[in-house]
């Protein structure tokens, strides 16, 4: 089932990620114990494209965002 941006944001917060910068609809997320930063861009009710969700999964770890 497709995920909404609000579900992705909730899963990231639950995993310990936090927003460190925001400009418009783009949010930069960072984790205190990891060097990576990811960008999540989209309205909360919009569906996340499959490729974007895969990219976020790859950057945050395979156990998140299932």
PDB file of N, CA and C in Angstrom:
ATOM      1  N   UNK A   1       0.838  -1.181   0.000  1.00  0.00           N
ATOM      2  CA  UNK A   1       0.000   0.000   0.000  1.00  0.00           C
ATOM      3  C   UNK A   1       0.888   1.251   0.000  1.00  0.00           C
ATOM      4  N   UNK A   2       0.561   2.235  -0.804  1.00  0.00           N
ATOM      5  CA  UNK A   2       1.371   3.456  -0.862  1.00  0.00           C
ATOM      6  C   UNK A   2       1.374   4.197   0.468  1.00  0.00           C
ATOM      7  N   UNK A   3       2.503   4.810   0.754  1.00  0.00           N
ATOM      8  CA  UNK A   3       2.651   5.578   1.993  1.00  0.00           C
ATOM      9  C   UNK A   3       2.416   7.051   1.718  1.00  0.00           C
ATOM     10  N   UNK A   4       1.935   7.741   2.722  1.00  0.00           N
ATOM     11  CA  UNK A   4       1.772   9.189   2.673  1.00  0.00           C
ATOM     12  C   UNK A   4       2.991   9.820   3.331  1.00  0.00           C
ATOM     13  N   UNK A   5       3.262  11.072   2.976  1.00  0.00           N
ATOM     14  CA  UNK A   5       4.407  11.759   3.565  1.00  0.00           C
ATOM     15  C   UNK A   5       4.284  11.862   5.088  1.00  0.00           C
ATOM     16  N   UNK A   6       3.060  12.021   5.604  1.00  0.00           N
ATOM     17  CA  UNK A   6       2.910  12.103   7.063  1.00  0.00           C
ATOM     18  C   UNK A   6       3.318  10.797   7.744  1.00  0.00           C
ATOM     19  N   UNK A   7       3.068   9.656   7.085  1.00  0.00           N
ATOM     20  CA  UNK A   7       3.471   8.355   7.634  1.00  0.00           C
ATOM     21  C   UNK A   7       4.988   8.205   7.624  1.00  0.00           C
ATOM     22  N   UNK A   8       5.622   8.703   6.567  1.00  0.00           N
ATOM     23  CA  UNK A   8       7.081   8.642   6.466  1.00  0.00           C
ATOM     24  C   UNK A   8       7.705   9.497   7.568  1.00  0.00           C
ATOM     25  N   UNK A   9       7.173  10.710   7.756  1.00  0.00           N
ATOM     26  CA  UNK A   9       7.698  11.594   8.804  1.00  0.00           C
ATOM     27  C   UNK A   9       7.522  10.980  10.189  1.00  0.00           C
ATOM     28  N   UNK A  10       6.382  10.369  10.451  1.00  0.00           N
ATOM     29  CA  UNK A  10       6.131   9.734  11.749  1.00  0.00           C
ATOM     30  C   UNK A  10       7.104   8.575  11.979  1.00  0.00           C
ATOM     31  N   UNK A  11       7.363   7.779  10.940  1.00  0.00           N
ATOM     32  CA  UNK A  11       8.288   6.646  11.064  1.00  0.00           C
ATOM     33  C   UNK A  11       9.711   7.136  11.321  1.00  0.00           C
ATOM     34  N   UNK A  12      10.107   8.230  10.667  1.00  0.00           N
ATOM     35  CA  UNK A  12      11.445   8.780  10.891  1.00  0.00           C
ATOM     36  C   UNK A  12      11.594   9.293  12.325  1.00  0.00           C
ATOM     37  N   UNK A  13      10.591   9.995  12.823  1.00  0.00           N
ATOM     38  CA  UNK A  13      10.644  10.487  14.201  1.00  0.00           C
ATOM     39  C   UNK A  13      10.720   9.326  15.186  1.00  0.00           C
ATOM     40  N   UNK A  14       9.960   8.305  14.928  1.00  0.00           N
ATOM     41  CA  UNK A  14       9.952   7.128  15.796  1.00  0.00           C
ATOM     42  C   UNK A  14      11.322   6.446  15.823  1.00  0.00           C
ATOM     43  N   UNK A  15      12.049   6.531  14.705  1.00  0.00           N
ATOM     44  CA  UNK A  15      13.364   5.900  14.595  1.00  0.00           C
ATOM     45  C   UNK A  15      14.482   6.799  15.132  1.00  0.00           C
ATOM     46  N   UNK A  16      14.140   8.002  15.607  1.00  0.00           N
ATOM     47  CA  UNK A  16      15.152   8.874  16.193  1.00  0.00           C
ATOM     48  C   UNK A  16      15.646   9.986  15.288  1.00  0.00           C
ATOM     49  N   UNK A  17      15.124  10.099  14.088  1.00  0.00           N
ATOM     50  CA  UNK A  17      15.508  11.169  13.171  1.00  0.00           C
ATOM     51  C   UNK A  17      14.785  12.441  13.573  1.00  0.00           C
ATOM     52  N   UNK A  18      15.390  13.591  13.290  1.00  0.00           N
ATOM     53  CA  UNK A  18      14.749  14.868  13.592  1.00  0.00           C
ATOM     54  C   UNK A  18      15.036  15.886  12.497  1.00  0.00           C
ATOM     55  N   UNK A  19      14.130  16.840  12.364  1.00  0.00           N
ATOM     56  CA  UNK A  19      14.270  17.888  11.356  1.00  0.00           C
ATOM     57  C   UNK A  19      15.318  18.883  11.843  1.00  0.00           C
ATOM     58  N   UNK A  20      16.329  19.129  11.009  1.00  0.00           N
ATOM     59  CA  UNK A  20      17.369  20.088  11.372  1.00  0.00           C
ATOM     60  C   UNK A  20      17.287  21.366  10.534  1.00  0.00           C
ATOM     61  N   UNK A  21      16.575  21.309   9.413  1.00  0.00           N
ATOM     62  CA  UNK A  21      16.437  22.484   8.554  1.00  0.00           C
ATOM     63  C   UNK A  21      15.185  22.320   7.719  1.00  0.00           C
ATOM     64  N   UNK A  22      14.504  23.436   7.496  1.00  0.00           N
ATOM     65  CA  UNK A  22      13.281  23.379   6.707  1.00  0.00           C
ATOM     66  C   UNK A  22      13.186  24.637   5.849  1.00  0.00           C
ATOM     67  N   UNK A  23      12.807  24.430   4.596  1.00  0.00           N
ATOM     68  CA  UNK A  23      12.585  25.554   3.697  1.00  0.00           C
ATOM     69  C   UNK A  23      11.458  25.173   2.753  1.00  0.00           C
ATOM     70  N   UNK A  24      10.333  25.827   2.908  1.00  0.00           N
ATOM     71  CA  UNK A  24       9.157  25.474   2.115  1.00  0.00           C
ATOM     72  C   UNK A  24       8.671  24.084   2.494  1.00  0.00           C
ATOM     73  N   UNK A  25       8.503  23.236   1.503  1.00  0.00           N
ATOM     74  CA  UNK A  25       8.033  21.878   1.784  1.00  0.00           C
ATOM     75  C   UNK A  25       9.192  20.895   1.955  1.00  0.00           C
ATOM     76  N   UNK A  26      10.432  21.367   1.846  1.00  0.00           N
ATOM     77  CA  UNK A  26      11.605  20.500   1.971  1.00  0.00           C
ATOM     78  C   UNK A  26      12.123  20.513   3.405  1.00  0.00           C
ATOM     79  N   UNK A  27      12.293  19.333   3.955  1.00  0.00           N
ATOM     80  CA  UNK A  27      12.834  19.189   5.311  1.00  0.00           C
ATOM     81  C   UNK A  27      14.106  18.351   5.248  1.00  0.00           C
ATOM     82  N   UNK A  28      15.138  18.804   5.933  1.00  0.00           N
ATOM     83  CA  UNK A  28      16.377  18.040   6.039  1.00  0.00           C
ATOM     84  C   UNK A  28      16.346  17.340   7.389  1.00  0.00           C
ATOM     85  N   UNK A  29      16.487  16.014   7.362  1.00  0.00           N
ATOM     86  CA  UNK A  29      16.431  15.200   8.566  1.00  0.00           C
ATOM     87  C   UNK A  29      17.817  14.647   8.881  1.00  0.00           C
ATOM     88  N   UNK A  30      18.136  14.569  10.158  1.00  0.00           N
ATOM     89  CA  UNK A  30      19.421  14.013  10.594  1.00  0.00           C
ATOM     90  C   UNK A  30      19.175  13.120  11.804  1.00  0.00           C
ATOM     91  N   UNK A  31      20.074  12.185  11.985  1.00  0.00           N
ATOM     92  CA  UNK A  31      20.022  11.286  13.139  1.00  0.00           C
ATOM     93  C   UNK A  31      21.248  11.580  13.995  1.00  0.00           C
ATOM     94  N   UNK A  32      21.087  11.656  15.311  1.00  0.00           N
ATOM     95  CA  UNK A  32      22.223  12.016  16.166  1.00  0.00           C
ATOM     96  C   UNK A  32      23.391  11.032  16.121  1.00  0.00           C
ATOM     97  N   UNK A  33      23.160   9.782  15.723  1.00  0.00           N
ATOM     98  CA  UNK A  33      24.209   8.775  15.729  1.00  0.00           C
ATOM     99  C   UNK A  33      24.671   8.354  14.340  1.00  0.00           C
ATOM    100  N   UNK A  34      24.179   9.045  13.308  1.00  0.00           N
ATOM    101  CA  UNK A  34      24.545   8.697  11.933  1.00  0.00           C
ATOM    102  C   UNK A  34      24.960   9.948  11.177  1.00  0.00           C
ATOM    103  N   UNK A  35      25.908   9.828  10.256  1.00  0.00           N
ATOM    104  CA  UNK A  35      26.375  11.012   9.526  1.00  0.00           C
ATOM    105  C   UNK A  35      25.453  11.439   8.369  1.00  0.00           C
ATOM    106  N   UNK A  36      24.562  10.560   7.927  1.00  0.00           N
ATOM    107  CA  UNK A  36      23.717  10.869   6.778  1.00  0.00           C
ATOM    108  C   UNK A  36      22.670  11.927   7.105  1.00  0.00           C
ATOM    109  N   UNK A  37      22.281  12.635   6.080  1.00  0.00           N
ATOM    110  CA  UNK A  37      21.142  13.542   6.144  1.00  0.00           C
ATOM    111  C   UNK A  37      20.258  13.206   4.959  1.00  0.00           C
ATOM    112  N   UNK A  38      18.961  13.268   5.176  1.00  0.00           N
ATOM    113  CA  UNK A  38      18.033  12.983   4.095  1.00  0.00           C
ATOM    114  C   UNK A  38      17.064  14.148   3.938  1.00  0.00           C
ATOM    115  N   UNK A  39      16.522  14.286   2.746  1.00  0.00           N
ATOM    116  CA  UNK A  39      15.556  15.343   2.468  1.00  0.00           C
ATOM    117  C   UNK A  39      14.209  14.694   2.211  1.00  0.00           C
ATOM    118  N   UNK A  40      13.191  15.197   2.907  1.00  0.00           N
ATOM    119  CA  UNK A  40      11.822  14.752   2.689  1.00  0.00           C
ATOM    120  C   UNK A  40      11.057  15.977   2.219  1.00  0.00           C
ATOM    121  N   UNK A  41      10.459  15.886   1.045  1.00  0.00           N
ATOM    122  CA  UNK A  41       9.758  17.027   0.466  1.00  0.00           C
ATOM    123  C   UNK A  41       8.390  16.600  -0.026  1.00  0.00           C
ATOM    124  N   UNK A  42       7.374  17.186   0.533  1.00  0.00           N
ATOM    125  CA  UNK A  42       6.032  16.887   0.070  1.00  0.00           C
ATOM    126  C   UNK A  42       4.999  17.230   1.117  1.00  0.00           C
ATOM    127  N   UNK A  43       3.791  17.483   0.663  1.00  0.00           N
ATOM    128  CA  UNK A  43       2.680  17.774   1.545  1.00  0.00           C
ATOM    129  C   UNK A  43       2.304  16.505   2.304  1.00  0.00           C
ATOM    130  N   UNK A  44       1.884  16.631   3.540  1.00  0.00           N
ATOM    131  CA  UNK A  44       1.585  15.483   4.391  1.00  0.00           C
ATOM    132  C   UNK A  44       0.597  14.490   3.820  1.00  0.00           C
ATOM    133  N   UNK A  45      -0.393  14.979   3.063  1.00  0.00           N
ATOM    134  CA  UNK A  45      -1.419  14.082   2.535  1.00  0.00           C
ATOM    135  C   UNK A  45      -1.062  13.485   1.176  1.00  0.00           C
ATOM    136  N   UNK A  46       0.056  13.903   0.589  1.00  0.00           N
ATOM    137  CA  UNK A  46       0.460  13.400  -0.724  1.00  0.00           C
ATOM    138  C   UNK A  46       1.096  12.011  -0.603  1.00  0.00           C
ATOM    139  N   UNK A  47       0.944  11.222  -1.637  1.00  0.00           N
ATOM    140  CA  UNK A  47       1.533   9.888  -1.682  1.00  0.00           C
ATOM    141  C   UNK A  47       3.000   9.990  -2.091  1.00  0.00           C
ATOM    142  N   UNK A  48       3.852   9.238  -1.413  1.00  0.00           N
ATOM    143  CA  UNK A  48       5.285   9.237  -1.706  1.00  0.00           C
ATOM    144  C   UNK A  48       5.526   8.349  -2.922  1.00  0.00           C
ATOM    145  N   UNK A  49       6.212   8.857  -3.956  1.00  0.00           N
ATOM    146  CA  UNK A  49       6.532   8.005  -5.105  1.00  0.00           C
ATOM    147  C   UNK A  49       7.396   6.810  -4.678  1.00  0.00           C
ATOM    148  N   UNK A  50       7.239   5.705  -5.376  1.00  0.00           N
ATOM    149  CA  UNK A  50       7.930   4.465  -5.017  1.00  0.00           C
ATOM    150  C   UNK A  50       9.442   4.655  -4.972  1.00  0.00           C
ATOM    151  N   UNK A  51      10.010   5.330  -5.955  1.00  0.00           N
ATOM    152  CA  UNK A  51      11.452   5.547  -5.998  1.00  0.00           C
ATOM    153  C   UNK A  51      11.944   6.398  -4.848  1.00  0.00           C
ATOM    154  N   UNK A  52      11.184   7.417  -4.480  1.00  0.00           N
ATOM    155  CA  UNK A  52      11.545   8.284  -3.356  1.00  0.00           C
ATOM    156  C   UNK A  52      11.506   7.505  -2.057  1.00  0.00           C
ATOM    157  N   UNK A  53      10.484   6.694  -1.876  1.00  0.00           N
ATOM    158  CA  UNK A  53      10.379   5.891  -0.666  1.00  0.00           C
ATOM    159  C   UNK A  53      11.529   4.898  -0.579  1.00  0.00           C
ATOM    160  N   UNK A  54      11.896   4.298  -1.703  1.00  0.00           N
ATOM    161  CA  UNK A  54      13.036   3.378  -1.729  1.00  0.00           C
ATOM    162  C   UNK A  54      14.330   4.073  -1.359  1.00  0.00           C
ATOM    163  N   UNK A  55      14.505   5.285  -1.830  1.00  0.00           N
ATOM    164  CA  UNK A  55      15.705   6.058  -1.516  1.00  0.00           C
ATOM    165  C   UNK A  55      15.762   6.392  -0.022  1.00  0.00           C
ATOM    166  N   UNK A  56      14.629   6.764   0.545  1.00  0.00           N
ATOM    167  CA  UNK A  56      14.577   7.063   1.982  1.00  0.00           C
ATOM    168  C   UNK A  56      14.852   5.800   2.788  1.00  0.00           C
ATOM    169  N   UNK A  57      14.279   4.681   2.364  1.00  0.00           N
ATOM    170  CA  UNK A  57      14.535   3.398   3.042  1.00  0.00           C
ATOM    171  C   UNK A  57      16.023   3.051   3.013  1.00  0.00           C
ATOM    172  N   UNK A  58      16.641   3.223   1.860  1.00  0.00           N
ATOM    173  CA  UNK A  58      18.056   2.899   1.702  1.00  0.00           C
ATOM    174  C   UNK A  58      18.924   3.768   2.619  1.00  0.00           C
ATOM    175  N   UNK A  59      18.594   5.044   2.735  1.00  0.00           N
ATOM    176  CA  UNK A  59      19.393   5.962   3.544  1.00  0.00           C
ATOM    177  C   UNK A  59      19.172   5.766   5.042  1.00  0.00           C
ATOM    178  N   UNK A  60      17.969   5.365   5.455  1.00  0.00           N
ATOM    179  CA  UNK A  60      17.687   5.272   6.888  1.00  0.00           C
ATOM    180  C   UNK A  60      17.876   3.870   7.454  1.00  0.00           C
ATOM    181  N   UNK A  61      17.952   2.882   6.611  1.00  0.00           N
ATOM    182  CA  UNK A  61      18.126   1.513   7.079  1.00  0.00           C
ATOM    183  C   UNK A  61      16.966   0.641   6.664  1.00  0.00           C
ATOM    184  N   UNK A  62      17.238  -0.623   6.432  1.00  0.00           N
ATOM    185  CA  UNK A  62      16.204  -1.515   5.903  1.00  0.00           C
ATOM    186  C   UNK A  62      15.049  -1.809   6.863  1.00  0.00           C
ATOM    187  N   UNK A  63      15.242  -1.617   8.152  1.00  0.00           N
ATOM    188  CA  UNK A  63      14.178  -1.963   9.098  1.00  0.00           C
ATOM    189  C   UNK A  63      13.128  -0.859   9.251  1.00  0.00           C
ATOM    190  N   UNK A  64      13.384   0.320   8.716  1.00  0.00           N
ATOM    191  CA  UNK A  64      12.461   1.431   8.858  1.00  0.00           C
ATOM    192  C   UNK A  64      11.563   1.548   7.622  1.00  0.00           C
ATOM    193  N   UNK A  65      10.398   2.108   7.813  1.00  0.00           N
ATOM    194  CA  UNK A  65       9.470   2.417   6.730  1.00  0.00           C
ATOM    195  C   UNK A  65       8.948   1.198   5.982  1.00  0.00           C
ATOM    196  N   UNK A  66       8.563   0.196   6.677  1.00  0.00           N
ATOM    197  CA  UNK A  66       7.969  -0.987   6.043  1.00  0.00           C
ATOM    198  C   UNK A  66       6.489  -0.830   5.951  1.00  0.00           C
TER     199      UNK A  66
END
